Amino acid sequence: MTATQLAHSAYAAASAPVRTSRGSEHAIFERVTARLKRATDPNADIAHRAAALHENRQLWITLATDIAGPENALPQSLRAQLFYLAEFSLLQSATALRDPTAIEALIDINKAVMRGLDGVADPA
């Protein structure tokens, strides 16, 4: 490989974008929320709904574990609010297994978190 080719490969645009922690968290919420949306399709079977709800539960359990840790730097009030949302999401997921319309609340919560990660105020 020539010096020019080495320089080009070293300074060329990265094939995968570099993400911040917030960007990575947003991407995860986006992926999980898209899966929840697909689970609301009337043609979606219970297995797809259960898998989407399971993934959402895993996301919120991971988030709750992180915010409960003493090393988490978020303000205490925000940590409490997120922990409450995690508890609600876990309970709502159980309801959504029986009632697919309950998934909408989970989608709304995830979208609100994504807006927060983007620094966009929640519309009131």
PDB file of N, CA and C in Angstrom:
ATOM      1  N   MET A   1       0.850  -1.166   0.000  1.00  0.00           N
ATOM      2  CA  MET A   1       0.000   0.000   0.000  1.00  0.00           C
ATOM      3  C   MET A   1       0.896   1.230   0.000  1.00  0.00           C
ATOM      4  N   THR A   2       0.589   2.183  -0.854  1.00  0.00           N
ATOM      5  CA  THR A   2       1.399   3.395  -0.945  1.00  0.00           C
ATOM      6  C   THR A   2       1.068   4.346   0.193  1.00  0.00           C
ATOM      7  N   ALA A   3       1.920   5.349   0.385  1.00  0.00           N
ATOM      8  CA  ALA A   3       1.699   6.343   1.437  1.00  0.00           C
ATOM      9  C   ALA A   3       0.392   7.089   1.203  1.00  0.00           C
ATOM     10  N   THR A   4       0.084   7.370  -0.056  1.00  0.00           N
ATOM     11  CA  THR A   4      -1.159   8.078  -0.383  1.00  0.00           C
ATOM     12  C   THR A   4      -2.367   7.234   0.001  1.00  0.00           C
ATOM     13  N   GLN A   5      -2.304   5.954  -0.314  1.00  0.00           N
ATOM     14  CA  GLN A   5      -3.415   5.067   0.032  1.00  0.00           C
ATOM     15  C   GLN A   5      -3.565   4.941   1.557  1.00  0.00           C
ATOM     16  N   LEU A   6      -2.447   4.863   2.255  1.00  0.00           N
ATOM     17  CA  LEU A   6      -2.496   4.791   3.714  1.00  0.00           C
ATOM     18  C   LEU A   6      -3.115   6.054   4.308  1.00  0.00           C
ATOM     19  N   ALA A   7      -2.693   7.205   3.786  1.00  0.00           N
ATOM     20  CA  ALA A   7      -3.241   8.470   4.280  1.00  0.00           C
ATOM     21  C   ALA A   7      -4.732   8.556   3.991  1.00  0.00           C
ATOM     22  N   HIS A   8      -5.112   8.146   2.790  1.00  0.00           N
ATOM     23  CA  HIS A   8      -6.524   8.198   2.430  1.00  0.00           C
ATOM     24  C   HIS A   8      -7.355   7.295   3.338  1.00  0.00           C
ATOM     25  N   SER A   9      -6.874   6.098   3.596  1.00  0.00           N
ATOM     26  CA  SER A   9      -7.641   5.180   4.445  1.00  0.00           C
ATOM     27  C   SER A   9      -7.672   5.671   5.893  1.00  0.00           C
ATOM     28  N   ALA A  10      -6.611   6.329   6.345  1.00  0.00           N
ATOM     29  CA  ALA A  10      -6.571   6.821   7.718  1.00  0.00           C
ATOM     30  C   ALA A  10      -7.486   8.017   7.924  1.00  0.00           C
ATOM     31  N   TYR A  11      -7.607   8.860   6.888  1.00  0.00           N
ATOM     32  CA  TYR A  11      -8.390  10.083   7.041  1.00  0.00           C
ATOM     33  C   TYR A  11      -9.741  10.035   6.336  1.00  0.00           C
ATOM     34  N   ALA A  12     -10.050   8.945   5.726  1.00  0.00           N
ATOM     35  CA  ALA A  12     -11.342   8.812   5.059  1.00  0.00           C
ATOM     36  C   ALA A  12     -12.446   8.776   6.103  1.00  0.00           C
ATOM     37  N   ALA A  13     -13.637   9.099   5.684  1.00  0.00           N
ATOM     38  CA  ALA A  13     -14.782   9.066   6.589  1.00  0.00           C
ATOM     39  C   ALA A  13     -14.967   7.654   7.122  1.00  0.00           C
ATOM     40  N   ALA A  14     -15.302   7.574   8.378  1.00  0.00           N
ATOM     41  CA  ALA A  14     -15.540   6.267   8.989  1.00  0.00           C
ATOM     42  C   ALA A  14     -16.792   5.658   8.392  1.00  0.00           C
ATOM     43  N   SER A  15     -16.779   4.350   8.215  1.00  0.00           N
ATOM     44  CA  SER A  15     -17.945   3.691   7.635  1.00  0.00           C
ATOM     45  C   SER A  15     -19.103   3.629   8.625  1.00  0.00           C
ATOM     46  N   ALA A  16     -18.799   3.588   9.904  1.00  0.00           N
ATOM     47  CA  ALA A  16     -19.838   3.611  10.935  1.00  0.00           C
ATOM     48  C   ALA A  16     -19.696   4.919  11.710  1.00  0.00           C
ATOM     49  N   PRO A  17     -20.798   5.622  11.914  1.00  0.00           N
ATOM     50  CA  PRO A  17     -20.692   6.898  12.624  1.00  0.00           C
ATOM     51  C   PRO A  17     -20.256   6.691  14.072  1.00  0.00           C
ATOM     52  N   VAL A  18     -19.509   7.646  14.572  1.00  0.00           N
ATOM     53  CA  VAL A  18     -19.101   7.605  15.965  1.00  0.00           C
ATOM     54  C   VAL A  18     -20.272   8.139  16.780  1.00  0.00           C
ATOM     55  N   ARG A  19     -20.668   7.413  17.796  1.00  0.00           N
ATOM     56  CA  ARG A  19     -21.821   7.809  18.601  1.00  0.00           C
ATOM     57  C   ARG A  19     -21.387   8.146  20.011  1.00  0.00           C
ATOM     58  N   THR A  20     -22.077   9.128  20.571  1.00  0.00           N
ATOM     59  CA  THR A  20     -21.901   9.435  21.978  1.00  0.00           C
ATOM     60  C   THR A  20     -22.722   8.425  22.773  1.00  0.00           C
ATOM     61  N   SER A  21     -22.579   8.442  24.073  1.00  0.00           N
ATOM     62  CA  SER A  21     -23.387   7.554  24.915  1.00  0.00           C
ATOM     63  C   SER A  21     -24.865   7.844  24.702  1.00  0.00           C
ATOM     64  N   ARG A  22     -25.214   9.138  24.649  1.00  0.00           N
ATOM     65  CA  ARG A  22     -26.610   9.516  24.420  1.00  0.00           C
ATOM     66  C   ARG A  22     -27.076   9.027  23.055  1.00  0.00           C
ATOM     67  N   GLY A  23     -26.207   9.136  22.065  1.00  0.00           N
ATOM     68  CA  GLY A  23     -26.563   8.675  20.727  1.00  0.00           C
ATOM     69  C   GLY A  23     -26.781   7.174  20.690  1.00  0.00           C
ATOM     70  N   SER A  24     -25.956   6.447  21.409  1.00  0.00           N
ATOM     71  CA  SER A  24     -26.119   4.986  21.475  1.00  0.00           C
ATOM     72  C   SER A  24     -27.400   4.621  22.208  1.00  0.00           C
ATOM     73  N   GLU A  25     -27.678   5.329  23.298  1.00  0.00           N
ATOM     74  CA  GLU A  25     -28.915   5.066  24.035  1.00  0.00           C
ATOM     75  C   GLU A  25     -30.128   5.373  23.156  1.00  0.00           C
ATOM     76  N   HIS A  26     -30.054   6.482  22.432  1.00  0.00           N
ATOM     77  CA  HIS A  26     -31.160   6.854  21.535  1.00  0.00           C
ATOM     78  C   HIS A  26     -31.372   5.774  20.478  1.00  0.00           C
ATOM     79  N   ALA A  27     -30.296   5.281  19.900  1.00  0.00           N
ATOM     80  CA  ALA A  27     -30.395   4.255  18.860  1.00  0.00           C
ATOM     81  C   ALA A  27     -31.048   2.980  19.405  1.00  0.00           C
ATOM     82  N   ILE A  28     -30.719   2.620  20.637  1.00  0.00           N
ATOM     83  CA  ILE A  28     -31.318   1.424  21.242  1.00  0.00           C
ATOM     84  C   ILE A  28     -32.814   1.649  21.458  1.00  0.00           C
ATOM     85  N   PHE A  29     -33.169   2.799  22.030  1.00  0.00           N
ATOM     86  CA  PHE A  29     -34.590   3.109  22.229  1.00  0.00           C
ATOM     87  C   PHE A  29     -35.332   3.138  20.897  1.00  0.00           C
ATOM     88  N   GLU A  30     -34.693   3.678  19.882  1.00  0.00           N
ATOM     89  CA  GLU A  30     -35.318   3.747  18.555  1.00  0.00           C
ATOM     90  C   GLU A  30     -35.591   2.344  18.002  1.00  0.00           C
ATOM     91  N   ARG A  31     -34.608   1.463  18.125  1.00  0.00           N
ATOM     92  CA  ARG A  31     -34.766   0.095  17.627  1.00  0.00           C
ATOM     93  C   ARG A  31     -35.873  -0.650  18.378  1.00  0.00           C
ATOM     94  N   VAL A  32     -35.857  -0.548  19.704  1.00  0.00           N
ATOM     95  CA  VAL A  32     -36.852  -1.243  20.518  1.00  0.00           C
ATOM     96  C   VAL A  32     -38.246  -0.677  20.252  1.00  0.00           C
ATOM     97  N   THR A  33     -38.345   0.630  20.123  1.00  0.00           N
ATOM     98  CA  THR A  33     -39.642   1.268  19.873  1.00  0.00           C
ATOM     99  C   THR A  33     -40.190   0.872  18.509  1.00  0.00           C
ATOM    100  N   ALA A  34     -39.335   0.784  17.516  1.00  0.00           N
ATOM    101  CA  ALA A  34     -39.780   0.343  16.184  1.00  0.00           C
ATOM    102  C   ALA A  34     -40.335  -1.077  16.263  1.00  0.00           C
ATOM    103  N   ARG A  35     -39.701  -1.907  17.059  1.00  0.00           N
ATOM    104  CA  ARG A  35     -40.181  -3.284  17.210  1.00  0.00           C
ATOM    105  C   ARG A  35     -41.533  -3.311  17.927  1.00  0.00           C
ATOM    106  N   LEU A  36     -41.698  -2.444  18.927  1.00  0.00           N
ATOM    107  CA  LEU A  36     -42.994  -2.338  19.601  1.00  0.00           C
ATOM    108  C   LEU A  36     -44.079  -1.882  18.625  1.00  0.00           C
ATOM    109  N   LYS A  37     -43.739  -0.916  17.775  1.00  0.00           N
ATOM    110  CA  LYS A  37     -44.712  -0.429  16.785  1.00  0.00           C
ATOM    111  C   LYS A  37     -45.154  -1.564  15.864  1.00  0.00           C
ATOM    112  N   ARG A  38     -44.196  -2.375  15.416  1.00  0.00           N
ATOM    113  CA  ARG A  38     -44.554  -3.505  14.550  1.00  0.00           C
ATOM    114  C   ARG A  38     -45.447  -4.501  15.289  1.00  0.00           C
ATOM    115  N   ALA A  39     -45.274  -4.603  16.592  1.00  0.00           N
ATOM    116  CA  ALA A  39     -46.081  -5.538  17.386  1.00  0.00           C
ATOM    117  C   ALA A  39     -47.523  -5.071  17.533  1.00  0.00           C
ATOM    118  N   THR A  40     -47.791  -3.801  17.240  1.00  0.00           N
ATOM    119  CA  THR A  40     -49.175  -3.307  17.327  1.00  0.00           C
ATOM    120  C   THR A  40     -49.964  -3.607  16.061  1.00  0.00           C
ATOM    121  N   ASP A  41     -49.294  -4.091  15.034  1.00  0.00           N
ATOM    122  CA  ASP A  41     -49.980  -4.448  13.791  1.00  0.00           C
ATOM    123  C   ASP A  41     -51.006  -5.537  14.092  1.00  0.00           C
ATOM    124  N   PRO A  42     -52.238  -5.362  13.602  1.00  0.00           N
ATOM    125  CA  PRO A  42     -53.273  -6.372  13.864  1.00  0.00           C
ATOM    126  C   PRO A  42     -52.897  -7.776  13.391  1.00  0.00           C
ATOM    127  N   ASN A  43     -52.002  -7.858  12.416  1.00  0.00           N
ATOM    128  CA  ASN A  43     -51.584  -9.165  11.907  1.00  0.00           C
ATOM    129  C   ASN A  43     -50.410  -9.768  12.686  1.00  0.00           C
ATOM    130  N   ALA A  44     -49.857  -9.003  13.631  1.00  0.00           N
ATOM    131  CA  ALA A  44     -48.720  -9.513  14.410  1.00  0.00           C
ATOM    132  C   ALA A  44     -49.212 -10.599  15.369  1.00  0.00           C
ATOM    133  N   ASP A  45     -48.473 -11.685  15.433  1.00  0.00           N
ATOM    134  CA  ASP A  45     -48.885 -12.762  16.325  1.00  0.00           C
ATOM    135  C   ASP A  45     -48.341 -12.535  17.737  1.00  0.00           C
ATOM    136  N   ILE A  46     -48.803 -13.343  18.652  1.00  0.00           N
ATOM    137  CA  ILE A  46     -48.435 -13.215  20.062  1.00  0.00           C
ATOM    138  C   ILE A  46     -46.934 -13.400  20.271  1.00  0.00           C
ATOM    139  N   ALA A  47     -46.306 -14.241  19.468  1.00  0.00           N
ATOM    140  CA  ALA A  47     -44.858 -14.467  19.614  1.00  0.00           C
ATOM    141  C   ALA A  47     -44.070 -13.196  19.310  1.00  0.00           C
ATOM    142  N   HIS A  48     -44.460 -12.486  18.254  1.00  0.00           N
ATOM    143  CA  HIS A  48     -43.769 -11.234  17.920  1.00  0.00           C
ATOM    144  C   HIS A  48     -44.030 -10.167  18.983  1.00  0.00           C
ATOM    145  N   ARG A  49     -45.264 -10.108  19.462  1.00  0.00           N
ATOM    146  CA  ARG A  49     -45.595  -9.143  20.521  1.00  0.00           C
ATOM    147  C   ARG A  49     -44.791  -9.461  21.777  1.00  0.00           C
ATOM    148  N   ALA A  50     -44.742 -10.732  22.158  1.00  0.00           N
ATOM    149  CA  ALA A  50     -44.002 -11.128  23.361  1.00  0.00           C
ATOM    150  C   ALA A  50     -42.511 -10.818  23.221  1.00  0.00           C
ATOM    151  N   ALA A  51     -41.958 -11.050  22.041  1.00  0.00           N
ATOM    152  CA  ALA A  51     -40.524 -10.772  21.825  1.00  0.00           C
ATOM    153  C   ALA A  51     -40.240  -9.275  21.914  1.00  0.00           C
ATOM    154  N   ALA A  52     -41.115  -8.461  21.339  1.00  0.00           N
ATOM    155  CA  ALA A  52     -40.940  -7.002  21.393  1.00  0.00           C
ATOM    156  C   ALA A  52     -41.052  -6.505  22.836  1.00  0.00           C
ATOM    157  N   LEU A  53     -42.023  -7.027  23.555  1.00  0.00           N
ATOM    158  CA  LEU A  53     -42.201  -6.628  24.950  1.00  0.00           C
ATOM    159  C   LEU A  53     -41.027  -7.092  25.807  1.00  0.00           C
ATOM    160  N   HIS A  54     -40.516  -8.268  25.535  1.00  0.00           N
ATOM    161  CA  HIS A  54     -39.352  -8.778  26.271  1.00  0.00           C
ATOM    162  C   HIS A  54     -38.140  -7.867  26.049  1.00  0.00           C
ATOM    163  N   GLU A  55     -37.919  -7.475  24.803  1.00  0.00           N
ATOM    164  CA  GLU A  55     -36.780  -6.597  24.506  1.00  0.00           C
ATOM    165  C   GLU A  55     -36.944  -5.245  25.207  1.00  0.00           C
ATOM    166  N   ASN A  56     -38.168  -4.727  25.218  1.00  0.00           N
ATOM    167  CA  ASN A  56     -38.420  -3.457  25.906  1.00  0.00           C
ATOM    168  C   ASN A  56     -38.190  -3.601  27.408  1.00  0.00           C
ATOM    169  N   ARG A  57     -38.631  -4.723  27.976  1.00  0.00           N
ATOM    170  CA  ARG A  57     -38.399  -4.975  29.402  1.00  0.00           C
ATOM    171  C   ARG A  57     -36.905  -5.052  29.709  1.00  0.00           C
ATOM    172  N   GLN A  58     -36.153  -5.738  28.861  1.00  0.00           N
ATOM    173  CA  GLN A  58     -34.703  -5.828  29.064  1.00  0.00           C
ATOM    174  C   GLN A  58     -34.061  -4.446  29.046  1.00  0.00           C
ATOM    175  N   LEU A  59     -34.505  -3.605  28.116  1.00  0.00           N
ATOM    176  CA  LEU A  59     -33.970  -2.247  28.024  1.00  0.00           C
ATOM    177  C   LEU A  59     -34.225  -1.488  29.329  1.00  0.00           C
ATOM    178  N   TRP A  60     -35.462  -1.553  29.813  1.00  0.00           N
ATOM    179  CA  TRP A  60     -35.811  -0.805  31.021  1.00  0.00           C
ATOM    180  C   TRP A  60     -35.166  -1.395  32.275  1.00  0.00           C
ATOM    181  N   ILE A  61     -34.984  -2.702  32.325  1.00  0.00           N
ATOM    182  CA  ILE A  61     -34.287  -3.313  33.466  1.00  0.00           C
ATOM    183  C   ILE A  61     -32.830  -2.855  33.483  1.00  0.00           C
ATOM    184  N   THR A  62     -32.213  -2.828  32.311  1.00  0.00           N
ATOM    185  CA  THR A  62     -30.826  -2.360  32.213  1.00  0.00           C
ATOM    186  C   THR A  62     -30.726  -0.904  32.639  1.00  0.00           C
ATOM    187  N   LEU A  63     -31.654  -0.092  32.161  1.00  0.00           N
ATOM    188  CA  LEU A  63     -31.664   1.326  32.512  1.00  0.00           C
ATOM    189  C   LEU A  63     -31.872   1.506  34.019  1.00  0.00           C
ATOM    190  N   ALA A  64     -32.821   0.778  34.598  1.00  0.00           N
ATOM    191  CA  ALA A  64     -33.094   0.891  36.032  1.00  0.00           C
ATOM    192  C   ALA A  64     -31.878   0.478  36.858  1.00  0.00           C
ATOM    193  N   THR A  65     -31.206  -0.572  36.437  1.00  0.00           N
ATOM    194  CA  THR A  65     -30.005  -1.025  37.139  1.00  0.00           C
ATOM    195  C   THR A  65     -28.930   0.045  37.095  1.00  0.00           C
ATOM    196  N   ASP A  66     -28.781   0.670  35.928  1.00  0.00           N
ATOM    197  CA  ASP A  66     -27.769   1.712  35.767  1.00  0.00           C
ATOM    198  C   ASP A  66     -28.086   2.934  36.624  1.00  0.00           C
ATOM    199  N   ILE A  67     -29.327   3.383  36.600  1.00  0.00           N
ATOM    200  CA  ILE A  67     -29.647   4.610  37.346  1.00  0.00           C
ATOM    201  C   ILE A  67     -29.681   4.381  38.854  1.00  0.00           C
ATOM    202  N   ALA A  68     -29.838   3.137  39.280  1.00  0.00           N
ATOM    203  CA  ALA A  68     -29.849   2.844  40.713  1.00  0.00           C
ATOM    204  C   ALA A  68     -28.441   2.795  41.305  1.00  0.00           C
ATOM    205  N   GLY A  69     -27.452   2.683  40.435  1.00  0.00           N
ATOM    206  CA  GLY A  69     -26.070   2.570  40.913  1.00  0.00           C
ATOM    207  C   GLY A  69     -25.539   3.883  41.461  1.00  0.00           C
ATOM    208  N   PRO A  70     -24.690   3.814  42.473  1.00  0.00           N
ATOM    209  CA  PRO A  70     -24.145   5.025  43.100  1.00  0.00           C
ATOM    210  C   PRO A  70     -23.230   5.831  42.169  1.00  0.00           C
ATOM    211  N   GLU A  71     -22.700   5.182  41.142  1.00  0.00           N
ATOM    212  CA  GLU A  71     -21.789   5.873  40.232  1.00  0.00           C
ATOM    213  C   GLU A  71     -22.525   6.654  39.142  1.00  0.00           C
ATOM    214  N   ASN A  72     -23.849   6.537  39.087  1.00  0.00           N
ATOM    215  CA  ASN A  72     -24.620   7.254  38.074  1.00  0.00           C
ATOM    216  C   ASN A  72     -24.606   8.746  38.395  1.00  0.00           C
ATOM    217  N   ALA A  73     -24.256   9.558  37.398  1.00  0.00           N
ATOM    218  CA  ALA A  73     -24.071  10.997  37.606  1.00  0.00           C
ATOM    219  C   ALA A  73     -25.319  11.830  37.321  1.00  0.00           C
ATOM    220  N   LEU A  74     -26.412  11.204  36.939  1.00  0.00           N
ATOM    221  CA  LEU A  74     -27.638  11.972  36.677  1.00  0.00           C
ATOM    222  C   LEU A  74     -28.153  12.589  37.971  1.00  0.00           C
ATOM    223  N   PRO A  75     -28.831  13.732  37.868  1.00  0.00           N
ATOM    224  CA  PRO A  75     -29.432  14.321  39.071  1.00  0.00           C
ATOM    225  C   PRO A  75     -30.423  13.346  39.717  1.00  0.00           C
ATOM    226  N   GLN A  76     -30.496  13.384  41.032  1.00  0.00           N
ATOM    227  CA  GLN A  76     -31.345  12.450  41.777  1.00  0.00           C
ATOM    228  C   GLN A  76     -32.796  12.510  41.312  1.00  0.00           C
ATOM    229  N   SER A  77     -33.317  13.702  41.036  1.00  0.00           N
ATOM    230  CA  SER A  77     -34.722  13.822  40.628  1.00  0.00           C
ATOM    231  C   SER A  77     -34.963  13.130  39.280  1.00  0.00           C
ATOM    232  N   LEU A  78     -34.027  13.263  38.353  1.00  0.00           N
ATOM    233  CA  LEU A  78     -34.162  12.606  37.052  1.00  0.00           C
ATOM    234  C   LEU A  78     -34.046  11.092  37.209  1.00  0.00           C
ATOM    235  N   ARG A  79     -33.148  10.657  38.064  1.00  0.00           N
ATOM    236  CA  ARG A  79     -33.003   9.227  38.313  1.00  0.00           C
ATOM    237  C   ARG A  79     -34.302   8.654  38.867  1.00  0.00           C
ATOM    238  N   ALA A  80     -34.936   9.384  39.779  1.00  0.00           N
ATOM    239  CA  ALA A  80     -36.196   8.922  40.365  1.00  0.00           C
ATOM    240  C   ALA A  80     -37.291   8.843  39.301  1.00  0.00           C
ATOM    241  N   GLN A  81     -37.365   9.844  38.440  1.00  0.00           N
ATOM    242  CA  GLN A  81     -38.373   9.841  37.380  1.00  0.00           C
ATOM    243  C   GLN A  81     -38.159   8.674  36.421  1.00  0.00           C
ATOM    244  N   LEU A  82     -36.913   8.439  36.034  1.00  0.00           N
ATOM    245  CA  LEU A  82     -36.611   7.334  35.127  1.00  0.00           C
ATOM    246  C   LEU A  82     -36.890   5.986  35.788  1.00  0.00           C
ATOM    247  N   PHE A  83     -36.597   5.891  37.075  1.00  0.00           N
ATOM    248  CA  PHE A  83     -36.861   4.640  37.777  1.00  0.00           C
ATOM    249  C   PHE A  83     -38.367   4.372  37.832  1.00  0.00           C
ATOM    250  N   TYR A  84     -39.146   5.418  38.047  1.00  0.00           N
ATOM    251  CA  TYR A  84     -40.602   5.272  38.034  1.00  0.00           C
ATOM    252  C   TYR A  84     -41.071   4.797  36.658  1.00  0.00           C
ATOM    253  N   LEU A  85     -40.538   5.410  35.595  1.00  0.00           N
ATOM    254  CA  LEU A  85     -40.914   4.995  34.238  1.00  0.00           C
ATOM    255  C   LEU A  85     -40.536   3.535  33.986  1.00  0.00           C
ATOM    256  N   ALA A  86     -39.399   3.118  34.521  1.00  0.00           N
ATOM    257  CA  ALA A  86     -38.983   1.721  34.369  1.00  0.00           C
ATOM    258  C   ALA A  86     -39.987   0.795  35.049  1.00  0.00           C
ATOM    259  N   GLU A  87     -40.384   1.138  36.272  1.00  0.00           N
ATOM    260  CA  GLU A  87     -41.377   0.311  36.979  1.00  0.00           C
ATOM    261  C   GLU A  87     -42.688   0.257  36.199  1.00  0.00           C
ATOM    262  N   PHE A  88     -43.144   1.414  35.732  1.00  0.00           N
ATOM    263  CA  PHE A  88     -44.393   1.453  34.975  1.00  0.00           C
ATOM    264  C   PHE A  88     -44.278   0.613  33.705  1.00  0.00           C
ATOM    265  N   SER A  89     -43.156   0.733  33.007  1.00  0.00           N
ATOM    266  CA  SER A  89     -42.963  -0.008  31.757  1.00  0.00           C
ATOM    267  C   SER A  89     -42.997  -1.514  31.987  1.00  0.00           C
ATOM    268  N   LEU A  90     -42.428  -1.949  33.083  1.00  0.00           N
ATOM    269  CA  LEU A  90     -42.436  -3.385  33.388  1.00  0.00           C
ATOM    270  C   LEU A  90     -43.855  -3.872  33.667  1.00  0.00           C
ATOM    271  N   LEU A  91     -44.614  -3.099  34.418  1.00  0.00           N
ATOM    272  CA  LEU A  91     -46.007  -3.473  34.701  1.00  0.00           C
ATOM    273  C   LEU A  91     -46.872  -3.398  33.444  1.00  0.00           C
ATOM    274  N   GLN A  92     -46.665  -2.353  32.648  1.00  0.00           N
ATOM    275  CA  GLN A  92     -47.454  -2.165  31.427  1.00  0.00           C
ATOM    276  C   GLN A  92     -47.163  -3.271  30.417  1.00  0.00           C
ATOM    277  N   SER A  93     -45.959  -3.785  30.428  1.00  0.00           N
ATOM    278  CA  SER A  93     -45.609  -4.877  29.519  1.00  0.00           C
ATOM    279  C   SER A  93     -46.436  -6.116  29.796  1.00  0.00           C
ATOM    280  N   ALA A  94     -46.682  -6.402  31.075  1.00  0.00           N
ATOM    281  CA  ALA A  94     -47.510  -7.552  31.437  1.00  0.00           C
ATOM    282  C   ALA A  94     -48.935  -7.352  30.926  1.00  0.00           C
ATOM    283  N   THR A  95     -49.435  -6.138  31.036  1.00  0.00           N
ATOM    284  CA  THR A  95     -50.773  -5.829  30.535  1.00  0.00           C
ATOM    285  C   THR A  95     -50.816  -5.968  29.016  1.00  0.00           C
ATOM    286  N   ALA A  96     -49.758  -5.522  28.355  1.00  0.00           N
ATOM    287  CA  ALA A  96     -49.718  -5.525  26.886  1.00  0.00           C
ATOM    288  C   ALA A  96     -49.688  -6.930  26.299  1.00  0.00           C
ATOM    289  N   LEU A  97     -49.259  -7.906  27.072  1.00  0.00           N
ATOM    290  CA  LEU A  97     -49.323  -9.288  26.584  1.00  0.00           C
ATOM    291  C   LEU A  97     -50.771  -9.709  26.369  1.00  0.00           C
ATOM    292  N   ARG A  98     -51.638  -9.239  27.251  1.00  0.00           N
ATOM    293  CA  ARG A  98     -53.063  -9.568  27.146  1.00  0.00           C
ATOM    294  C   ARG A  98     -53.828  -8.596  26.256  1.00  0.00           C
ATOM    295  N   ASP A  99     -53.388  -7.320  26.257  1.00  0.00           N
ATOM    296  CA  ASP A  99     -54.095  -6.264  25.540  1.00  0.00           C
ATOM    297  C   ASP A  99     -53.110  -5.480  24.676  1.00  0.00           C
ATOM    298  N   PRO A 100     -53.061  -5.774  23.379  1.00  0.00           N
ATOM    299  CA  PRO A 100     -52.090  -5.115  22.508  1.00  0.00           C
ATOM    300  C   PRO A 100     -52.200  -3.591  22.484  1.00  0.00           C
ATOM    301  N   THR A 101     -53.356  -3.031  22.808  1.00  0.00           N
ATOM    302  CA  THR A 101     -53.482  -1.567  22.809  1.00  0.00           C
ATOM    303  C   THR A 101     -52.644  -0.928  23.913  1.00  0.00           C
ATOM    304  N   ALA A 102     -52.281  -1.705  24.924  1.00  0.00           N
ATOM    305  CA  ALA A 102     -51.452  -1.194  26.022  1.00  0.00           C
ATOM    306  C   ALA A 102     -50.022  -0.904  25.565  1.00  0.00           C
ATOM    307  N   ILE A 103     -49.645  -1.395  24.400  1.00  0.00           N
ATOM    308  CA  ILE A 103     -48.292  -1.144  23.873  1.00  0.00           C
ATOM    309  C   ILE A 103     -48.112   0.337  23.550  1.00  0.00           C
ATOM    310  N   GLU A 104     -49.193   1.018  23.201  1.00  0.00           N
ATOM    311  CA  GLU A 104     -49.093   2.442  22.838  1.00  0.00           C
ATOM    312  C   GLU A 104     -48.467   3.271  23.955  1.00  0.00           C
ATOM    313  N   ALA A 105     -48.820   2.975  25.206  1.00  0.00           N
ATOM    314  CA  ALA A 105     -48.237   3.713  26.331  1.00  0.00           C
ATOM    315  C   ALA A 105     -46.724   3.495  26.401  1.00  0.00           C
ATOM    316  N   LEU A 106     -46.282   2.274  26.120  1.00  0.00           N
ATOM    317  CA  LEU A 106     -44.845   1.973  26.121  1.00  0.00           C
ATOM    318  C   LEU A 106     -44.133   2.732  25.004  1.00  0.00           C
ATOM    319  N   ILE A 107     -44.770   2.797  23.847  1.00  0.00           N
ATOM    320  CA  ILE A 107     -44.202   3.546  22.720  1.00  0.00           C
ATOM    321  C   ILE A 107     -44.086   5.021  23.083  1.00  0.00           C
ATOM    322  N   ASP A 108     -45.143   5.569  23.695  1.00  0.00           N
ATOM    323  CA  ASP A 108     -45.123   6.987  24.092  1.00  0.00           C
ATOM    324  C   ASP A 108     -44.005   7.282  25.086  1.00  0.00           C
ATOM    325  N   ILE A 109     -43.819   6.394  26.053  1.00  0.00           N
ATOM    326  CA  ILE A 109     -42.754   6.584  27.044  1.00  0.00           C
ATOM    327  C   ILE A 109     -41.388   6.548  26.366  1.00  0.00           C
ATOM    328  N   ASN A 110     -41.175   5.559  25.510  1.00  0.00           N
ATOM    329  CA  ASN A 110     -39.885   5.458  24.818  1.00  0.00           C
ATOM    330  C   ASN A 110     -39.616   6.687  23.951  1.00  0.00           C
ATOM    331  N   LYS A 111     -40.661   7.189  23.270  1.00  0.00           N
ATOM    332  CA  LYS A 111     -40.494   8.393  22.449  1.00  0.00           C
ATOM    333  C   LYS A 111     -40.133   9.600  23.315  1.00  0.00           C
ATOM    334  N   ALA A 112     -40.745   9.708  24.486  1.00  0.00           N
ATOM    335  CA  ALA A 112     -40.426  10.813  25.392  1.00  0.00           C
ATOM    336  C   ALA A 112     -38.964  10.740  25.845  1.00  0.00           C
ATOM    337  N   VAL A 113     -38.497   9.533  26.134  1.00  0.00           N
ATOM    338  CA  VAL A 113     -37.093   9.359  26.524  1.00  0.00           C
ATOM    339  C   VAL A 113     -36.181   9.748  25.357  1.00  0.00           C
ATOM    340  N   MET A 114     -36.551   9.349  24.144  1.00  0.00           N
ATOM    341  CA  MET A 114     -35.732   9.706  22.977  1.00  0.00           C
ATOM    342  C   MET A 114     -35.682  11.224  22.800  1.00  0.00           C
ATOM    343  N   ARG A 115     -36.819  11.919  23.007  1.00  0.00           N
ATOM    344  CA  ARG A 115     -36.807  13.372  22.913  1.00  0.00           C
ATOM    345  C   ARG A 115     -35.877  13.958  23.971  1.00  0.00           C
ATOM    346  N   GLY A 116     -35.899  13.392  25.168  1.00  0.00           N
ATOM    347  CA  GLY A 116     -35.006  13.845  26.218  1.00  0.00           C
ATOM    348  C   GLY A 116     -33.541  13.631  25.862  1.00  0.00           C
ATOM    349  N   LEU A 117     -33.245  12.494  25.262  1.00  0.00           N
ATOM    350  CA  LEU A 117     -31.866  12.223  24.847  1.00  0.00           C
ATOM    351  C   LEU A 117     -31.424  13.176  23.737  1.00  0.00           C
ATOM    352  N   ASP A 118     -32.402  13.622  22.941  1.00  0.00           N
ATOM    353  CA  ASP A 118     -32.107  14.585  21.874  1.00  0.00           C
ATOM    354  C   ASP A 118     -32.038  16.011  22.396  1.00  0.00           C
ATOM    355  N   GLY A 119     -32.434  16.219  23.665  1.00  0.00           N
ATOM    356  CA  GLY A 119     -32.446  17.560  24.230  1.00  0.00           C
ATOM    357  C   GLY A 119     -33.671  18.351  23.815  1.00  0.00           C
ATOM    358  N   VAL A 120     -34.726  17.659  23.392  1.00  0.00           N
ATOM    359  CA  VAL A 120     -35.958  18.317  22.968  1.00  0.00           C
ATOM    360  C   VAL A 120     -36.942  18.278  24.125  1.00  0.00           C
ATOM    361  N   ALA A 121     -37.543  19.434  24.414  1.00  0.00           N
ATOM    362  CA  ALA A 121     -38.515  19.504  25.517  1.00  0.00           C
ATOM    363  C   ALA A 121     -39.735  18.664  25.174  1.00  0.00           C
ATOM    364  N   ASP A 122     -40.297  18.030  26.175  1.00  0.00           N
ATOM    365  CA  ASP A 122     -41.494  17.206  26.004  1.00  0.00           C
ATOM    366  C   ASP A 122     -42.687  18.124  25.792  1.00  0.00           C
ATOM    367  N   PRO A 123     -43.448  17.922  24.692  1.00  0.00           N
ATOM    368  CA  PRO A 123     -44.594  18.799  24.474  1.00  0.00           C
ATOM    369  C   PRO A 123     -45.655  18.559  25.544  1.00  0.00           C
ATOM    370  N   ALA A 124     -46.145  19.642  26.099  1.00  0.00           N
ATOM    371  CA  ALA A 124     -47.134  19.507  27.182  1.00  0.00           C
ATOM    372  C   ALA A 124     -48.519  19.812  26.692  1.00  0.00           C
TER     373      ALA A 124
END
